[in-house]
Amino acid sequence: MTHGRGKKGGRGAGLRGGRGNAGLLKHRFMHMTKYMPDHFGRHGFKRPQSIVKKDITINVGQLEKEFSGKNEIDLTKEGFDKLLGGGKLNSKLKVKVEKASQSAIDKVKEKGGTIILPEVQSVEQPVAEKEQTEGS
């Protein structure tokens, strides 16, 4: 009558205790705690996208193609944040940009061009305050 399967072994997934992850909080609880300890709950942290900022970059080799006929390029006005050193440069250019890699600076200077970067303001205490902190 049951062909050796018992009363409900042949119906659905009855013999296996359910389909998939069924019973993880009941009859498969020990299996879950031993083999899948991180199955439930939240894990990790995702930084808010308003904080994450990716620089919009351009390579030195793309400057002549993108801005053909220009000797002076203001990349900050064009929407780029950083100049990278990929590719070859064939002409003398004057480039204004927020950030640049060392290889990009070397390639532009090698052709006789210049790169204008914003001056980095160092945070230093005035001389009078330094003397007061050292003396006390």
C-alpha atoms as a PDB file:
ATOM      1  CA  MET A   1       0.000   0.000   0.000  1.00  0.00           C
ATOM      2  CA  THR A   2       2.735   2.512   0.901  1.00  0.00           C
ATOM      3  CA  HIS A   3       5.530   0.755  -1.006  1.00  0.00           C
ATOM      4  CA  GLY A   4       7.864   0.902   1.996  1.00  0.00           C
ATOM      5  CA  ARG A   5       7.693   4.673   2.477  1.00  0.00           C
ATOM      6  CA  GLY A   6       5.551   4.829   5.595  1.00  0.00           C
ATOM      7  CA  LYS A   7       2.369   6.835   5.968  1.00  0.00           C
ATOM      8  CA  LYS A   8       3.372  10.173   4.397  1.00  0.00           C
ATOM      9  CA  GLY A   9       6.907   9.606   3.081  1.00  0.00           C
ATOM     10  CA  GLY A  10       5.825   9.778  -0.530  1.00  0.00           C
ATOM     11  CA  ARG A  11       3.922  13.061  -0.295  1.00  0.00           C
ATOM     12  CA  GLY A  12       5.887  16.214  -1.107  1.00  0.00           C
ATOM     13  CA  ALA A  13       8.971  16.584   1.077  1.00  0.00           C
ATOM     14  CA  GLY A  14       7.464  14.858   4.096  1.00  0.00           C
ATOM     15  CA  LEU A  15      10.232  12.319   4.589  1.00  0.00           C
ATOM     16  CA  ARG A  16      12.975  14.964   4.557  1.00  0.00           C
ATOM     17  CA  GLY A  17      11.364  17.212   7.151  1.00  0.00           C
ATOM     18  CA  GLY A  18      10.283  19.908   4.714  1.00  0.00           C
ATOM     19  CA  ARG A  19      11.677  21.649   1.690  1.00  0.00           C
ATOM     20  CA  GLY A  20      14.683  23.973   1.717  1.00  0.00           C
ATOM     21  CA  ASN A  21      15.300  25.728   5.011  1.00  0.00           C
ATOM     22  CA  ALA A  22      12.034  24.629   6.594  1.00  0.00           C
ATOM     23  CA  GLY A  23      12.328  23.800  10.278  1.00  0.00           C
ATOM     24  CA  LEU A  24      15.473  25.785  11.048  1.00  0.00           C
ATOM     25  CA  LEU A  25      13.864  27.150  14.210  1.00  0.00           C
ATOM     26  CA  LYS A  26      12.186  23.849  15.103  1.00  0.00           C
ATOM     27  CA  HIS A  27      13.389  20.342  14.252  1.00  0.00           C
ATOM     28  CA  ARG A  28      16.577  21.456  12.429  1.00  0.00           C
ATOM     29  CA  PHE A  29      17.631  23.943  15.095  1.00  0.00           C
ATOM     30  CA  MET A  30      20.847  22.160  16.094  1.00  0.00           C
ATOM     31  CA  HIS A  31      21.870  21.806  12.451  1.00  0.00           C
ATOM     32  CA  MET A  32      21.348  25.541  11.970  1.00  0.00           C
ATOM     33  CA  THR A  33      23.307  26.576  15.060  1.00  0.00           C
ATOM     34  CA  LYS A  34      26.207  24.266  14.219  1.00  0.00           C
ATOM     35  CA  TYR A  35      26.569  24.639  10.454  1.00  0.00           C
ATOM     36  CA  MET A  36      24.935  28.020   9.736  1.00  0.00           C
ATOM     37  CA  PRO A  37      25.641  30.293  12.737  1.00  0.00           C
ATOM     38  CA  ASP A  38      25.374  33.486  10.642  1.00  0.00           C
ATOM     39  CA  HIS A  39      22.147  32.531   8.855  1.00  0.00           C
ATOM     40  CA  PHE A  40      19.860  34.894  10.744  1.00  0.00           C
ATOM     41  CA  GLY A  41      20.310  38.573  11.549  1.00  0.00           C
ATOM     42  CA  ARG A  42      22.071  41.494   9.982  1.00  0.00           C
ATOM     43  CA  HIS A  43      25.778  41.493   9.273  1.00  0.00           C
ATOM     44  CA  GLY A  44      28.195  44.210   8.261  1.00  0.00           C
ATOM     45  CA  PHE A  45      27.841  47.897   7.624  1.00  0.00           C
ATOM     46  CA  LYS A  46      27.113  49.878   4.489  1.00  0.00           C
ATOM     47  CA  ARG A  47      28.358  53.428   4.373  1.00  0.00           C
ATOM     48  CA  PRO A  48      25.753  56.040   3.397  1.00  0.00           C
ATOM     49  CA  GLN A  49      26.099  57.034  -0.237  1.00  0.00           C
ATOM     50  CA  SER A  50      26.030  60.720   0.711  1.00  0.00           C
ATOM     51  CA  ILE A  51      29.388  60.214   2.474  1.00  0.00           C
ATOM     52  CA  VAL A  52      31.053  58.071  -0.204  1.00  0.00           C
ATOM     53  CA  LYS A  53      32.735  60.273  -2.804  1.00  0.00           C
ATOM     54  CA  LYS A  54      34.441  58.925  -5.887  1.00  0.00           C
ATOM     55  CA  ASP A  55      36.712  61.212  -7.834  1.00  0.00           C
ATOM     56  CA  ILE A  56      35.867  61.749 -11.492  1.00  0.00           C
ATOM     57  CA  THR A  57      39.177  61.109 -13.221  1.00  0.00           C
ATOM     58  CA  ILE A  58      40.751  61.655 -16.620  1.00  0.00           C
ATOM     59  CA  ASN A  59      44.048  60.377 -17.999  1.00  0.00           C
ATOM     60  CA  VAL A  60      46.805  62.523 -19.486  1.00  0.00           C
ATOM     61  CA  GLY A  61      46.442  60.669 -22.782  1.00  0.00           C
ATOM     62  CA  GLN A  62      42.801  61.738 -23.091  1.00  0.00           C
ATOM     63  CA  LEU A  63      43.440  65.481 -22.686  1.00  0.00           C
ATOM     64  CA  GLU A  64      44.394  66.127 -26.322  1.00  0.00           C
ATOM     65  CA  LYS A  65      41.400  64.157 -27.633  1.00  0.00           C
ATOM     66  CA  GLU A  66      38.852  65.738 -25.271  1.00  0.00           C
ATOM     67  CA  PHE A  67      40.157  69.313 -25.452  1.00  0.00           C
ATOM     68  CA  SER A  68      41.743  69.548 -28.889  1.00  0.00           C
ATOM     69  CA  GLY A  69      43.112  72.974 -29.801  1.00  0.00           C
ATOM     70  CA  LYS A  70      43.303  74.228 -26.207  1.00  0.00           C
ATOM     71  CA  ASN A  71      46.579  75.079 -24.500  1.00  0.00           C
ATOM     72  CA  GLU A  72      45.002  75.927 -21.137  1.00  0.00           C
ATOM     73  CA  ILE A  73      42.526  73.509 -19.579  1.00  0.00           C
ATOM     74  CA  ASP A  74      40.588  74.026 -16.348  1.00  0.00           C
ATOM     75  CA  LEU A  75      39.536  70.500 -15.440  1.00  0.00           C
ATOM     76  CA  THR A  76      37.585  71.620 -12.371  1.00  0.00           C
ATOM     77  CA  LYS A  77      35.228  73.633 -14.584  1.00  0.00           C
ATOM     78  CA  GLU A  78      34.981  70.708 -16.996  1.00  0.00           C
ATOM     79  CA  GLY A  79      33.797  68.423 -14.178  1.00  0.00           C
ATOM     80  CA  PHE A  80      36.925  66.376 -13.436  1.00  0.00           C
ATOM     81  CA  ASP A  81      38.420  65.972  -9.970  1.00  0.00           C
ATOM     82  CA  LYS A  82      41.714  64.194 -10.593  1.00  0.00           C
ATOM     83  CA  LEU A  83      44.287  63.876 -13.380  1.00  0.00           C
ATOM     84  CA  LEU A  84      45.895  60.452 -13.797  1.00  0.00           C
ATOM     85  CA  GLY A  85      49.074  59.523 -15.657  1.00  0.00           C
ATOM     86  CA  GLY A  86      47.786  57.003 -18.210  1.00  0.00           C
ATOM     87  CA  GLY A  87      48.634  57.463 -21.875  1.00  0.00           C
ATOM     88  CA  LYS A  88      51.030  59.750 -23.760  1.00  0.00           C
ATOM     89  CA  LEU A  89      51.075  63.499 -24.051  1.00  0.00           C
ATOM     90  CA  ASN A  90      52.344  65.128 -27.266  1.00  0.00           C
ATOM     91  CA  SER A  91      51.923  68.853 -26.635  1.00  0.00           C
ATOM     92  CA  LYS A  92      52.645  71.484 -24.014  1.00  0.00           C
ATOM     93  CA  LEU A  93      49.601  72.117 -21.816  1.00  0.00           C
ATOM     94  CA  LYS A  94      48.695  74.244 -18.829  1.00  0.00           C
ATOM     95  CA  VAL A  95      46.268  72.257 -16.664  1.00  0.00           C
ATOM     96  CA  LYS A  96      44.362  73.424 -13.581  1.00  0.00           C
ATOM     97  CA  VAL A  97      42.964  70.592 -11.467  1.00  0.00           C
ATOM     98  CA  GLU A  98      42.147  69.747  -7.834  1.00  0.00           C
ATOM     99  CA  LYS A  99      44.290  66.584  -7.595  1.00  0.00           C
ATOM    100  CA  ALA A 100      46.883  64.914  -9.796  1.00  0.00           C
ATOM    101  CA  SER A 101      48.969  61.773  -9.549  1.00  0.00           C
ATOM    102  CA  GLN A 102      52.747  62.059  -9.505  1.00  0.00           C
ATOM    103  CA  SER A 103      53.065  60.301 -12.867  1.00  0.00           C
ATOM    104  CA  ALA A 104      50.623  62.802 -14.434  1.00  0.00           C
ATOM    105  CA  ILE A 105      52.635  65.733 -13.065  1.00  0.00           C
ATOM    106  CA  ASP A 106      55.855  64.219 -14.412  1.00  0.00           C
ATOM    107  CA  LYS A 107      54.404  63.634 -17.899  1.00  0.00           C
ATOM    108  CA  VAL A 108      53.039  67.171 -18.211  1.00  0.00           C
ATOM    109  CA  LYS A 109      56.300  68.750 -16.971  1.00  0.00           C
ATOM    110  CA  GLU A 110      58.317  66.525 -19.305  1.00  0.00           C
ATOM    111  CA  LYS A 111      56.629  68.184 -22.297  1.00  0.00           C
ATOM    112  CA  GLY A 112      57.186  71.668 -20.839  1.00  0.00           C
ATOM    113  CA  GLY A 113      53.675  72.146 -19.479  1.00  0.00           C
ATOM    114  CA  THR A 114      52.487  73.092 -16.020  1.00  0.00           C
ATOM    115  CA  ILE A 115      49.911  71.768 -13.568  1.00  0.00           C
ATOM    116  CA  ILE A 116      48.224  74.181 -11.186  1.00  0.00           C
ATOM    117  CA  LEU A 117      47.059  72.530  -7.973  1.00  0.00           C
ATOM    118  CA  PRO A 118      45.312  74.272  -5.068  1.00  0.00           C
ATOM    119  CA  GLU A 119      47.685  75.117  -2.255  1.00  0.00           C
ATOM    120  CA  VAL A 120      47.376  72.843   0.746  1.00  0.00           C
ATOM    121  CA  GLN A 121      46.917  74.913   3.900  1.00  0.00           C
ATOM    122  CA  SER A 122      48.808  73.357   6.778  1.00  0.00           C
ATOM    123  CA  VAL A 123      47.298  73.554  10.238  1.00  0.00           C
ATOM    124  CA  GLU A 124      49.948  75.116  12.463  1.00  0.00           C
ATOM    125  CA  GLN A 125      49.753  76.897  15.764  1.00  0.00           C
ATOM    126  CA  PRO A 126      50.982  80.496  15.882  1.00  0.00           C
ATOM    127  CA  VAL A 127      54.474  80.957  17.331  1.00  0.00           C
ATOM    128  CA  ALA A 128      53.239  82.622  20.554  1.00  0.00           C
ATOM    129  CA  GLU A 129      50.935  79.668  21.322  1.00  0.00           C
ATOM    130  CA  LYS A 130      53.761  77.161  20.706  1.00  0.00           C
ATOM    131  CA  GLU A 131      56.020  78.904  23.213  1.00  0.00           C
ATOM    132  CA  GLN A 132      53.258  78.924  25.826  1.00  0.00           C
ATOM    133  CA  THR A 133      52.518  75.207  25.445  1.00  0.00           C
ATOM    134  CA  GLU A 134      56.232  74.269  25.591  1.00  0.00           C
ATOM    135  CA  GLY A 135      56.854  76.365  28.726  1.00  0.00           C
ATOM    136  CA  SER A 136      53.948  74.989  30.763  1.00  0.00           C
END
